[in-house]
Amino acid sequence: MSFFNQGFYNLFLAIGVFVGIYLLPGELELAGKTLILFCCYSMFAASIVLFISKPGMLRGVFIQGLCPLVAIVCNLFCR
């Protein structure tokens, strides 16, 4: 049952990213960017927790954390 909960957790974070992308071109650009970054930081933090709790699942750590990390780094250096 834990995986069922985790799947929805990840789905909701992904939906948050897409809602943020939808908000970017309008008057709510700051809200969209904030939502995207919050979701990306949450996903990246979850990948760190996965690495600490189950170091043998390195593939899962990269799958869960690489894309959010790229988005965070792009935000920091590509303004």
PDB file of N, CA and C in Angstrom:
ATOM      1  N   MET A   1       0.820  -1.199   0.000  1.00  0.00           N
ATOM      2  CA  MET A   1       0.000   0.000   0.000  1.00  0.00           C
ATOM      3  C   MET A   1       0.859   1.256   0.000  1.00  0.00           C
ATOM      4  N   SER A   2       2.069   1.159   0.482  1.00  0.00           N
ATOM      5  CA  SER A   2       2.959   2.312   0.537  1.00  0.00           C
ATOM      6  C   SER A   2       3.284   2.843  -0.855  1.00  0.00           C
ATOM      7  N   PHE A   3       3.451   1.921  -1.807  1.00  0.00           N
ATOM      8  CA  PHE A   3       3.780   2.347  -3.164  1.00  0.00           C
ATOM      9  C   PHE A   3       2.624   3.093  -3.807  1.00  0.00           C
ATOM     10  N   PHE A   4       1.400   2.698  -3.473  1.00  0.00           N
ATOM     11  CA  PHE A   4       0.212   3.373  -3.985  1.00  0.00           C
ATOM     12  C   PHE A   4       0.220   4.836  -3.539  1.00  0.00           C
ATOM     13  N   ASN A   5       0.494   5.077  -2.254  1.00  0.00           N
ATOM     14  CA  ASN A   5       0.562   6.422  -1.704  1.00  0.00           C
ATOM     15  C   ASN A   5       1.693   7.217  -2.358  1.00  0.00           C
ATOM     16  N   GLN A   6       2.844   6.590  -2.501  1.00  0.00           N
ATOM     17  CA  GLN A   6       4.010   7.257  -3.081  1.00  0.00           C
ATOM     18  C   GLN A   6       3.758   7.642  -4.532  1.00  0.00           C
ATOM     19  N   GLY A   7       3.051   6.799  -5.251  1.00  0.00           N
ATOM     20  CA  GLY A   7       2.722   7.111  -6.644  1.00  0.00           C
ATOM     21  C   GLY A   7       1.884   8.373  -6.754  1.00  0.00           C
ATOM     22  N   PHE A   8       0.899   8.508  -5.892  1.00  0.00           N
ATOM     23  CA  PHE A   8       0.070   9.711  -5.920  1.00  0.00           C
ATOM     24  C   PHE A   8       0.841  10.943  -5.460  1.00  0.00           C
ATOM     25  N   TYR A   9       1.719  10.771  -4.502  1.00  0.00           N
ATOM     26  CA  TYR A   9       2.569  11.868  -4.041  1.00  0.00           C
ATOM     27  C   TYR A   9       3.375  12.423  -5.219  1.00  0.00           C
ATOM     28  N   ASN A  10       4.003  11.526  -5.978  1.00  0.00           N
ATOM     29  CA  ASN A  10       4.796  11.953  -7.130  1.00  0.00           C
ATOM     30  C   ASN A  10       3.920  12.546  -8.230  1.00  0.00           C
ATOM     31  N   LEU A  11       2.741  11.981  -8.421  1.00  0.00           N
ATOM     32  CA  LEU A  11       1.810  12.512  -9.417  1.00  0.00           C
ATOM     33  C   LEU A  11       1.412  13.944  -9.080  1.00  0.00           C
ATOM     34  N   PHE A  12       1.104  14.203  -7.824  1.00  0.00           N
ATOM     35  CA  PHE A  12       0.689  15.546  -7.419  1.00  0.00           C
ATOM     36  C   PHE A  12       1.820  16.556  -7.577  1.00  0.00           C
ATOM     37  N   LEU A  13       3.051  16.145  -7.294  1.00  0.00           N
ATOM     38  CA  LEU A  13       4.189  17.044  -7.511  1.00  0.00           C
ATOM     39  C   LEU A  13       4.367  17.341  -8.999  1.00  0.00           C
ATOM     40  N   ALA A  14       4.210  16.328  -9.831  1.00  0.00           N
ATOM     41  CA  ALA A  14       4.329  16.534 -11.283  1.00  0.00           C
ATOM     42  C   ALA A  14       3.224  17.457 -11.788  1.00  0.00           C
ATOM     43  N   ILE A  15       2.011  17.275 -11.282  1.00  0.00           N
ATOM     44  CA  ILE A  15       0.913  18.167 -11.671  1.00  0.00           C
ATOM     45  C   ILE A  15       1.230  19.599 -11.255  1.00  0.00           C
ATOM     46  N   GLY A  16       1.828  19.773 -10.079  1.00  0.00           N
ATOM     47  CA  GLY A  16       2.227  21.105  -9.629  1.00  0.00           C
ATOM     48  C   GLY A  16       3.207  21.756 -10.589  1.00  0.00           C
ATOM     49  N   VAL A  17       4.149  20.988 -11.109  1.00  0.00           N
ATOM     50  CA  VAL A  17       5.103  21.526 -12.086  1.00  0.00           C
ATOM     51  C   VAL A  17       4.369  21.968 -13.347  1.00  0.00           C
ATOM     52  N   PHE A  18       3.457  21.143 -13.844  1.00  0.00           N
ATOM     53  CA  PHE A  18       2.739  21.499 -15.070  1.00  0.00           C
ATOM     54  C   PHE A  18       1.809  22.694 -14.868  1.00  0.00           C
ATOM     55  N   VAL A  19       1.193  22.809 -13.698  1.00  0.00           N
ATOM     56  CA  VAL A  19       0.378  23.996 -13.404  1.00  0.00           C
ATOM     57  C   VAL A  19       1.276  25.233 -13.375  1.00  0.00           C
ATOM     58  N   GLY A  20       2.461  25.108 -12.775  1.00  0.00           N
ATOM     59  CA  GLY A  20       3.410  26.221 -12.769  1.00  0.00           C
ATOM     60  C   GLY A  20       3.822  26.637 -14.166  1.00  0.00           C
ATOM     61  N   ILE A  21       4.068  25.663 -15.028  1.00  0.00           N
ATOM     62  CA  ILE A  21       4.419  25.966 -16.424  1.00  0.00           C
ATOM     63  C   ILE A  21       3.267  26.680 -17.109  1.00  0.00           C
ATOM     64  N   TYR A  22       2.045  26.252 -16.825  1.00  0.00           N
ATOM     65  CA  TYR A  22       0.863  26.892 -17.402  1.00  0.00           C
ATOM     66  C   TYR A  22       0.750  28.351 -16.956  1.00  0.00           C
ATOM     67  N   LEU A  23       1.141  28.640 -15.724  1.00  0.00           N
ATOM     68  CA  LEU A  23       1.016  29.997 -15.191  1.00  0.00           C
ATOM     69  C   LEU A  23       2.126  30.944 -15.662  1.00  0.00           C
ATOM     70  N   LEU A  24       3.219  30.414 -16.169  1.00  0.00           N
ATOM     71  CA  LEU A  24       4.372  31.245 -16.516  1.00  0.00           C
ATOM     72  C   LEU A  24       4.085  32.362 -17.517  1.00  0.00           C
ATOM     73  N   PRO A  25       3.399  32.107 -18.622  1.00  0.00           N
ATOM     74  CA  PRO A  25       3.272  33.178 -19.617  1.00  0.00           C
ATOM     75  C   PRO A  25       2.321  34.317 -19.244  1.00  0.00           C
ATOM     76  N   GLY A  26       1.524  34.172 -18.227  1.00  0.00           N
ATOM     77  CA  GLY A  26       0.536  35.197 -17.885  1.00  0.00           C
ATOM     78  C   GLY A  26       1.006  36.153 -16.811  1.00  0.00           C
ATOM     79  N   GLU A  27       0.031  36.755 -16.167  1.00  0.00           N
ATOM     80  CA  GLU A  27       0.312  37.711 -15.103  1.00  0.00           C
ATOM     81  C   GLU A  27       0.822  37.028 -13.835  1.00  0.00           C
ATOM     82  N   LEU A  28       0.683  35.726 -13.763  1.00  0.00           N
ATOM     83  CA  LEU A  28       1.067  34.981 -12.566  1.00  0.00           C
ATOM     84  C   LEU A  28       2.419  34.289 -12.741  1.00  0.00           C
ATOM     85  N   GLU A  29       3.316  34.946 -13.452  1.00  0.00           N
ATOM     86  CA  GLU A  29       4.628  34.362 -13.728  1.00  0.00           C
ATOM     87  C   GLU A  29       5.374  34.006 -12.439  1.00  0.00           C
ATOM     88  N   LEU A  30       5.377  34.903 -11.477  1.00  0.00           N
ATOM     89  CA  LEU A  30       6.081  34.649 -10.219  1.00  0.00           C
ATOM     90  C   LEU A  30       5.472  33.463  -9.478  1.00  0.00           C
ATOM     91  N   ALA A  31       4.150  33.372  -9.465  1.00  0.00           N
ATOM     92  CA  ALA A  31       3.479  32.235  -8.817  1.00  0.00           C
ATOM     93  C   ALA A  31       3.830  30.933  -9.526  1.00  0.00           C
ATOM     94  N   GLY A  32       3.865  30.959 -10.850  1.00  0.00           N
ATOM     95  CA  GLY A  32       4.215  29.774 -11.615  1.00  0.00           C
ATOM     96  C   GLY A  32       5.637  29.321 -11.345  1.00  0.00           C
ATOM     97  N   LYS A  33       6.557  30.267 -11.338  1.00  0.00           N
ATOM     98  CA  LYS A  33       7.957  29.945 -11.077  1.00  0.00           C
ATOM     99  C   LYS A  33       8.134  29.406  -9.651  1.00  0.00           C
ATOM    100  N   THR A  34       7.451  30.016  -8.711  1.00  0.00           N
ATOM    101  CA  THR A  34       7.526  29.566  -7.319  1.00  0.00           C
ATOM    102  C   THR A  34       6.986  28.142  -7.179  1.00  0.00           C
ATOM    103  N   LEU A  35       5.875  27.860  -7.825  1.00  0.00           N
ATOM    104  CA  LEU A  35       5.281  26.528  -7.757  1.00  0.00           C
ATOM    105  C   LEU A  35       6.206  25.486  -8.378  1.00  0.00           C
ATOM    106  N   ILE A  36       6.781  25.802  -9.527  1.00  0.00           N
ATOM    107  CA  ILE A  36       7.711  24.880 -10.180  1.00  0.00           C
ATOM    108  C   ILE A  36       8.902  24.601  -9.281  1.00  0.00           C
ATOM    109  N   LEU A  37       9.501  25.644  -8.735  1.00  0.00           N
ATOM    110  CA  LEU A  37      10.682  25.453  -7.896  1.00  0.00           C
ATOM    111  C   LEU A  37      10.351  24.711  -6.606  1.00  0.00           C
ATOM    112  N   PHE A  38       9.210  24.999  -6.006  1.00  0.00           N
ATOM    113  CA  PHE A  38       8.820  24.269  -4.796  1.00  0.00           C
ATOM    114  C   PHE A  38       8.699  22.777  -5.088  1.00  0.00           C
ATOM    115  N   CYS A  39       8.036  22.445  -6.176  1.00  0.00           N
ATOM    116  CA  CYS A  39       7.863  21.031  -6.525  1.00  0.00           C
ATOM    117  C   CYS A  39       9.206  20.384  -6.854  1.00  0.00           C
ATOM    118  N   CYS A  40      10.078  21.093  -7.569  1.00  0.00           N
ATOM    119  CA  CYS A  40      11.388  20.540  -7.924  1.00  0.00           C
ATOM    120  C   CYS A  40      12.256  20.336  -6.682  1.00  0.00           C
ATOM    121  N   TYR A  41      12.258  21.298  -5.785  1.00  0.00           N
ATOM    122  CA  TYR A  41      13.027  21.138  -4.547  1.00  0.00           C
ATOM    123  C   TYR A  41      12.467  19.972  -3.720  1.00  0.00           C
ATOM    124  N   SER A  42      11.156  19.806  -3.702  1.00  0.00           N
ATOM    125  CA  SER A  42      10.543  18.697  -2.965  1.00  0.00           C
ATOM    126  C   SER A  42      10.954  17.358  -3.563  1.00  0.00           C
ATOM    127  N   MET A  43      10.924  17.255  -4.897  1.00  0.00           N
ATOM    128  CA  MET A  43      11.320  16.015  -5.555  1.00  0.00           C
ATOM    129  C   MET A  43      12.800  15.719  -5.322  1.00  0.00           C
ATOM    130  N   PHE A  44      13.629  16.750  -5.400  1.00  0.00           N
ATOM    131  CA  PHE A  44      15.061  16.549  -5.181  1.00  0.00           C
ATOM    132  C   PHE A  44      15.347  16.145  -3.738  1.00  0.00           C
ATOM    133  N   ALA A  45      14.661  16.783  -2.792  1.00  0.00           N
ATOM    134  CA  ALA A  45      14.834  16.427  -1.379  1.00  0.00           C
ATOM    135  C   ALA A  45      14.398  14.980  -1.136  1.00  0.00           C
ATOM    136  N   ALA A  46      13.327  14.553  -1.794  1.00  0.00           N
ATOM    137  CA  ALA A  46      12.877  13.166  -1.659  1.00  0.00           C
ATOM    138  C   ALA A  46      13.922  12.196  -2.200  1.00  0.00           C
ATOM    139  N   SER A  47      14.621  12.587  -3.256  1.00  0.00           N
ATOM    140  CA  SER A  47      15.673  11.712  -3.789  1.00  0.00           C
ATOM    141  C   SER A  47      16.849  11.615  -2.818  1.00  0.00           C
ATOM    142  N   ILE A  48      17.137  12.689  -2.104  1.00  0.00           N
ATOM    143  CA  ILE A  48      18.199  12.643  -1.094  1.00  0.00           C
ATOM    144  C   ILE A  48      17.788  11.728   0.062  1.00  0.00           C
ATOM    145  N   VAL A  49      16.529  11.824   0.474  1.00  0.00           N
ATOM    146  CA  VAL A  49      16.025  10.944   1.532  1.00  0.00           C
ATOM    147  C   VAL A  49      16.099   9.488   1.078  1.00  0.00           C
ATOM    148  N   LEU A  50      15.749   9.228  -0.175  1.00  0.00           N
ATOM    149  CA  LEU A  50      15.847   7.869  -0.697  1.00  0.00           C
ATOM    150  C   LEU A  50      17.288   7.382  -0.667  1.00  0.00           C
ATOM    151  N   PHE A  51      18.224   8.233  -1.052  1.00  0.00           N
ATOM    152  CA  PHE A  51      19.637   7.849  -1.037  1.00  0.00           C
ATOM    153  C   PHE A  51      20.116   7.537   0.380  1.00  0.00           C
ATOM    154  N   ILE A  52      19.692   8.355   1.347  1.00  0.00           N
ATOM    155  CA  ILE A  52      20.112   8.144   2.738  1.00  0.00           C
ATOM    156  C   ILE A  52      19.471   6.880   3.314  1.00  0.00           C
ATOM    157  N   SER A  53      18.198   6.666   3.009  1.00  0.00           N
ATOM    158  CA  SER A  53      17.491   5.540   3.609  1.00  0.00           C
ATOM    159  C   SER A  53      17.765   4.211   2.904  1.00  0.00           C
ATOM    160  N   LYS A  54      18.021   4.272   1.588  1.00  0.00           N
ATOM    161  CA  LYS A  54      18.275   3.041   0.831  1.00  0.00           C
ATOM    162  C   LYS A  54      19.369   3.301  -0.196  1.00  0.00           C
ATOM    163  N   PRO A  55      20.625   3.339   0.231  1.00  0.00           N
ATOM    164  CA  PRO A  55      21.728   3.662  -0.679  1.00  0.00           C
ATOM    165  C   PRO A  55      21.868   2.695  -1.848  1.00  0.00           C
ATOM    166  N   GLY A  56      21.313   1.501  -1.724  1.00  0.00           N
ATOM    167  CA  GLY A  56      21.390   0.532  -2.809  1.00  0.00           C
ATOM    168  C   GLY A  56      20.479   0.861  -3.984  1.00  0.00           C
ATOM    169  N   MET A  57      19.573   1.800  -3.806  1.00  0.00           N
ATOM    170  CA  MET A  57      18.635   2.168  -4.873  1.00  0.00           C
ATOM    171  C   MET A  57      19.128   3.390  -5.642  1.00  0.00           C
ATOM    172  N   LEU A  58      20.380   3.359  -6.024  1.00  0.00           N
ATOM    173  CA  LEU A  58      21.002   4.509  -6.693  1.00  0.00           C
ATOM    174  C   LEU A  58      20.303   4.857  -8.008  1.00  0.00           C
ATOM    175  N   ARG A  59      19.864   3.849  -8.729  1.00  0.00           N
ATOM    176  CA  ARG A  59      19.146   4.113  -9.986  1.00  0.00           C
ATOM    177  C   ARG A  59      17.878   4.930  -9.716  1.00  0.00           C
ATOM    178  N   GLY A  60      17.125   4.547  -8.687  1.00  0.00           N
ATOM    179  CA  GLY A  60      15.918   5.282  -8.321  1.00  0.00           C
ATOM    180  C   GLY A  60      16.214   6.700  -7.873  1.00  0.00           C
ATOM    181  N   VAL A  61      17.341   6.877  -7.191  1.00  0.00           N
ATOM    182  CA  VAL A  61      17.756   8.218  -6.761  1.00  0.00           C
ATOM    183  C   VAL A  61      17.964   9.112  -7.982  1.00  0.00           C
ATOM    184  N   PHE A  62      18.655   8.592  -8.995  1.00  0.00           N
ATOM    185  CA  PHE A  62      18.897   9.383 -10.201  1.00  0.00           C
ATOM    186  C   PHE A  62      17.612   9.634 -10.982  1.00  0.00           C
ATOM    187  N   ILE A  63      16.764   8.630 -11.079  1.00  0.00           N
ATOM    188  CA  ILE A  63      15.497   8.808 -11.794  1.00  0.00           C
ATOM    189  C   ILE A  63      14.647   9.877 -11.113  1.00  0.00           C
ATOM    190  N   GLN A  64      14.611   9.851  -9.795  1.00  0.00           N
ATOM    191  CA  GLN A  64      13.763  10.785  -9.056  1.00  0.00           C
ATOM    192  C   GLN A  64      14.381  12.171  -8.938  1.00  0.00           C
ATOM    193  N   GLY A  65      15.703  12.261  -8.881  1.00  0.00           N
ATOM    194  CA  GLY A  65      16.315  13.542  -8.554  1.00  0.00           C
ATOM    195  C   GLY A  65      16.999  14.292  -9.670  1.00  0.00           C
ATOM    196  N   LEU A  66      17.292  13.635 -10.787  1.00  0.00           N
ATOM    197  CA  LEU A  66      18.093  14.293 -11.820  1.00  0.00           C
ATOM    198  C   LEU A  66      17.349  15.437 -12.514  1.00  0.00           C
ATOM    199  N   CYS A  67      16.135  15.187 -12.982  1.00  0.00           N
ATOM    200  CA  CYS A  67      15.386  16.252 -13.679  1.00  0.00           C
ATOM    201  C   CYS A  67      15.099  17.455 -12.780  1.00  0.00           C
ATOM    202  N   PRO A  68      14.649  17.244 -11.539  1.00  0.00           N
ATOM    203  CA  PRO A  68      14.460  18.416 -10.672  1.00  0.00           C
ATOM    204  C   PRO A  68      15.761  19.167 -10.423  1.00  0.00           C
ATOM    205  N   LEU A  69      16.869  18.442 -10.283  1.00  0.00           N
ATOM    206  CA  LEU A  69      18.158  19.097 -10.072  1.00  0.00           C
ATOM    207  C   LEU A  69      18.543  19.946 -11.284  1.00  0.00           C
ATOM    208  N   VAL A  70      18.307  19.448 -12.476  1.00  0.00           N
ATOM    209  CA  VAL A  70      18.595  20.217 -13.699  1.00  0.00           C
ATOM    210  C   VAL A  70      17.759  21.498 -13.713  1.00  0.00           C
ATOM    211  N   ALA A  71      16.487  21.393 -13.351  1.00  0.00           N
ATOM    212  CA  ALA A  71      15.618  22.583 -13.325  1.00  0.00           C
ATOM    213  C   ALA A  71      16.100  23.596 -12.294  1.00  0.00           C
ATOM    214  N   ILE A  72      16.523  23.118 -11.134  1.00  0.00           N
ATOM    215  CA  ILE A  72      17.015  24.010 -10.080  1.00  0.00           C
ATOM    216  C   ILE A  72      18.286  24.705 -10.521  1.00  0.00           C
ATOM    217  N   VAL A  73      19.218  23.961 -11.101  1.00  0.00           N
ATOM    218  CA  VAL A  73      20.495  24.542 -11.557  1.00  0.00           C
ATOM    219  C   VAL A  73      20.235  25.543 -12.690  1.00  0.00           C
ATOM    220  N   CYS A  74      19.351  25.192 -13.619  1.00  0.00           N
ATOM    221  CA  CYS A  74      19.019  26.130 -14.706  1.00  0.00           C
ATOM    222  C   CYS A  74      18.432  27.424 -14.154  1.00  0.00           C
ATOM    223  N   ASN A  75      17.589  27.306 -13.136  1.00  0.00           N
ATOM    224  CA  ASN A  75      17.024  28.503 -12.533  1.00  0.00           C
ATOM    225  C   ASN A  75      18.092  29.378 -11.893  1.00  0.00           C
ATOM    226  N   LEU A  76      19.092  28.745 -11.289  1.00  0.00           N
ATOM    227  CA  LEU A  76      20.145  29.497 -10.621  1.00  0.00           C
ATOM    228  C   LEU A  76      21.090  30.192 -11.607  1.00  0.00           C
ATOM    229  N   PHE A  77      21.381  29.532 -12.735  1.00  0.00           N
ATOM    230  CA  PHE A  77      22.418  30.046 -13.632  1.00  0.00           C
ATOM    231  C   PHE A  77      21.908  30.577 -14.957  1.00  0.00           C
ATOM    232  N   CYS A  78      20.666  30.364 -15.297  1.00  0.00           N
ATOM    233  CA  CYS A  78      20.128  30.776 -16.609  1.00  0.00           C
ATOM    234  C   CYS A  78      19.037  31.816 -16.453  1.00  0.00           C
ATOM    235  N   ARG A  79      19.371  32.901 -15.850  1.00  0.00           N
ATOM    236  CA  ARG A  79      18.340  33.943 -15.634  1.00  0.00           C
ATOM    237  C   ARG A  79      18.364  34.949 -16.721  1.00  0.00           C
TER     238      ARG A  79
END
